[in-house]
Amino acid sequence: GCKKKRKKFNVIVMPRPQLKETFLHEAFMLSMKRTKIFYYDFCKEEEGDSIVEKVKAEAKKARKKIKILKVKKAGEIAPYRYRIRVDFRIV
């Protein structure tokens, strides 16, 4: 049998649509040690921490250790609703 080797990436940028699916599972499958991931999500201003918790939970599920580097507002999409960017690295 010929087993195809899956490609791994150093940097993954994830500007995603406003869907329930996070696509983090796929990102973790394509990452390796020291991969930097820029993950975008949407929330109300006070919900930024819940996005970080979601990223951490997905990392744990994928058995990946991560380090959160930065959480930043990346634009307002409606009054009091923001696009949030979470920068993190696989460690």
C-alpha atoms as a PDB file:
ATOM      1  CA  GLY A   1       0.000   0.000   0.000  1.00  0.00           C
ATOM      2  CA  CYS A   2       1.093   3.505  -0.778  1.00  0.00           C
ATOM      3  CA  LYS A   3       0.542   5.800   2.182  1.00  0.00           C
ATOM      4  CA  LYS A   4       0.477   9.456   1.189  1.00  0.00           C
ATOM      5  CA  LYS A   5       2.403  11.755   3.535  1.00  0.00           C
ATOM      6  CA  ARG A   6       0.327  14.702   4.680  1.00  0.00           C
ATOM      7  CA  LYS A   7       1.911  18.100   4.164  1.00  0.00           C
ATOM      8  CA  LYS A   8       2.671  20.192   7.273  1.00  0.00           C
ATOM      9  CA  PHE A   9       2.869  23.981   7.434  1.00  0.00           C
ATOM     10  CA  ASN A  10       4.923  26.548   9.406  1.00  0.00           C
ATOM     11  CA  VAL A  11       2.204  29.209   9.306  1.00  0.00           C
ATOM     12  CA  ILE A  12      -1.572  28.797   9.034  1.00  0.00           C
ATOM     13  CA  VAL A  13      -3.861  31.828   8.585  1.00  0.00           C
ATOM     14  CA  MET A  14      -7.529  31.129   9.277  1.00  0.00           C
ATOM     15  CA  PRO A  15      -9.824  34.007   8.284  1.00  0.00           C
ATOM     16  CA  ARG A  16     -13.046  32.027   8.450  1.00  0.00           C
ATOM     17  CA  PRO A  17     -16.715  32.654   7.753  1.00  0.00           C
ATOM     18  CA  GLN A  18     -19.195  33.085  10.596  1.00  0.00           C
ATOM     19  CA  LEU A  19     -19.984  29.399  10.971  1.00  0.00           C
ATOM     20  CA  LYS A  20     -20.318  27.105  13.952  1.00  0.00           C
ATOM     21  CA  GLU A  21     -17.471  24.923  12.588  1.00  0.00           C
ATOM     22  CA  THR A  22     -14.052  26.191  13.755  1.00  0.00           C
ATOM     23  CA  PHE A  23     -11.885  24.182  11.317  1.00  0.00           C
ATOM     24  CA  LEU A  24      -9.244  24.047  14.077  1.00  0.00           C
ATOM     25  CA  HIS A  25      -9.180  20.241  13.890  1.00  0.00           C
ATOM     26  CA  GLU A  26      -7.946  20.465  10.293  1.00  0.00           C
ATOM     27  CA  ALA A  27      -5.432  23.176  11.185  1.00  0.00           C
ATOM     28  CA  PHE A  28      -3.980  21.035  13.975  1.00  0.00           C
ATOM     29  CA  MET A  29      -3.675  18.061  11.591  1.00  0.00           C
ATOM     30  CA  LEU A  30      -1.630  20.231   9.215  1.00  0.00           C
ATOM     31  CA  SER A  31       0.560  21.763  11.919  1.00  0.00           C
ATOM     32  CA  MET A  32       3.842  20.718  13.472  1.00  0.00           C
ATOM     33  CA  LYS A  33       5.966  21.892  16.391  1.00  0.00           C
ATOM     34  CA  ARG A  34       6.470  25.690  16.209  1.00  0.00           C
ATOM     35  CA  THR A  35       3.681  26.209  13.629  1.00  0.00           C
ATOM     36  CA  LYS A  36       2.165  29.642  14.133  1.00  0.00           C
ATOM     37  CA  ILE A  37      -1.613  29.855  13.645  1.00  0.00           C
ATOM     38  CA  PHE A  38      -3.590  33.066  13.180  1.00  0.00           C
ATOM     39  CA  TYR A  39      -7.188  32.147  14.017  1.00  0.00           C
ATOM     40  CA  TYR A  40     -10.087  34.539  13.447  1.00  0.00           C
ATOM     41  CA  ASP A  41     -13.483  34.342  15.124  1.00  0.00           C
ATOM     42  CA  PHE A  42     -16.419  36.617  15.876  1.00  0.00           C
ATOM     43  CA  CYS A  43     -17.823  37.684  19.234  1.00  0.00           C
ATOM     44  CA  LYS A  44     -19.179  40.469  21.381  1.00  0.00           C
ATOM     45  CA  GLU A  45     -16.483  42.578  23.019  1.00  0.00           C
ATOM     46  CA  GLU A  46     -16.730  40.878  26.420  1.00  0.00           C
ATOM     47  CA  GLU A  47     -16.627  37.345  24.933  1.00  0.00           C
ATOM     48  CA  GLY A  48     -12.987  37.385  23.768  1.00  0.00           C
ATOM     49  CA  ASP A  49     -11.928  34.998  26.550  1.00  0.00           C
ATOM     50  CA  SER A  50     -14.432  32.383  25.366  1.00  0.00           C
ATOM     51  CA  ILE A  51     -12.718  32.322  21.949  1.00  0.00           C
ATOM     52  CA  VAL A  52      -9.361  31.642  23.622  1.00  0.00           C
ATOM     53  CA  GLU A  53     -10.964  28.861  25.704  1.00  0.00           C
ATOM     54  CA  LYS A  54     -12.446  27.338  22.531  1.00  0.00           C
ATOM     55  CA  VAL A  55      -8.989  27.318  20.888  1.00  0.00           C
ATOM     56  CA  LYS A  56      -7.429  25.715  23.988  1.00  0.00           C
ATOM     57  CA  ALA A  57     -10.170  23.052  24.147  1.00  0.00           C
ATOM     58  CA  GLU A  58      -9.734  22.178  20.453  1.00  0.00           C
ATOM     59  CA  ALA A  59      -5.950  21.957  20.948  1.00  0.00           C
ATOM     60  CA  LYS A  60      -6.422  19.577  23.864  1.00  0.00           C
ATOM     61  CA  LYS A  61      -8.786  17.411  21.781  1.00  0.00           C
ATOM     62  CA  ALA A  62      -6.163  17.280  19.018  1.00  0.00           C
ATOM     63  CA  ARG A  63      -3.462  16.457  21.613  1.00  0.00           C
ATOM     64  CA  LYS A  64      -1.518  19.608  20.722  1.00  0.00           C
ATOM     65  CA  LYS A  65       0.178  21.873  23.242  1.00  0.00           C
ATOM     66  CA  ILE A  66      -0.204  25.531  22.358  1.00  0.00           C
ATOM     67  CA  LYS A  67       1.017  28.885  23.592  1.00  0.00           C
ATOM     68  CA  ILE A  68      -1.294  31.874  23.111  1.00  0.00           C
ATOM     69  CA  LEU A  69       0.843  34.715  21.753  1.00  0.00           C
ATOM     70  CA  LYS A  70      -1.698  37.497  21.276  1.00  0.00           C
ATOM     71  CA  VAL A  71      -5.444  38.189  21.204  1.00  0.00           C
ATOM     72  CA  LYS A  72      -6.388  41.220  19.160  1.00  0.00           C
ATOM     73  CA  LYS A  73      -9.476  42.942  17.789  1.00  0.00           C
ATOM     74  CA  ALA A  74      -9.277  42.689  14.010  1.00  0.00           C
ATOM     75  CA  GLY A  75     -12.293  44.759  13.049  1.00  0.00           C
ATOM     76  CA  GLU A  76     -15.838  45.621  14.027  1.00  0.00           C
ATOM     77  CA  ILE A  77     -18.486  43.759  12.023  1.00  0.00           C
ATOM     78  CA  ALA A  78     -21.540  45.314  13.708  1.00  0.00           C
ATOM     79  CA  PRO A  79     -22.107  47.522  16.739  1.00  0.00           C
ATOM     80  CA  TYR A  80     -20.361  45.773  19.649  1.00  0.00           C
ATOM     81  CA  ARG A  81     -19.531  42.681  17.514  1.00  0.00           C
ATOM     82  CA  TYR A  82     -15.920  42.155  16.618  1.00  0.00           C
ATOM     83  CA  ARG A  83     -13.661  39.954  14.579  1.00  0.00           C
ATOM     84  CA  ILE A  84     -11.052  38.660  17.018  1.00  0.00           C
ATOM     85  CA  ARG A  85      -7.671  37.278  16.018  1.00  0.00           C
ATOM     86  CA  VAL A  86      -5.979  34.737  18.280  1.00  0.00           C
ATOM     87  CA  ASP A  87      -2.305  34.178  17.460  1.00  0.00           C
ATOM     88  CA  PHE A  88      -0.861  30.991  18.893  1.00  0.00           C
ATOM     89  CA  ARG A  89       2.010  28.598  18.382  1.00  0.00           C
ATOM     90  CA  ILE A  90       2.227  24.815  18.626  1.00  0.00           C
ATOM     91  CA  VAL A  91       4.819  23.934  21.281  1.00  0.00           C
END
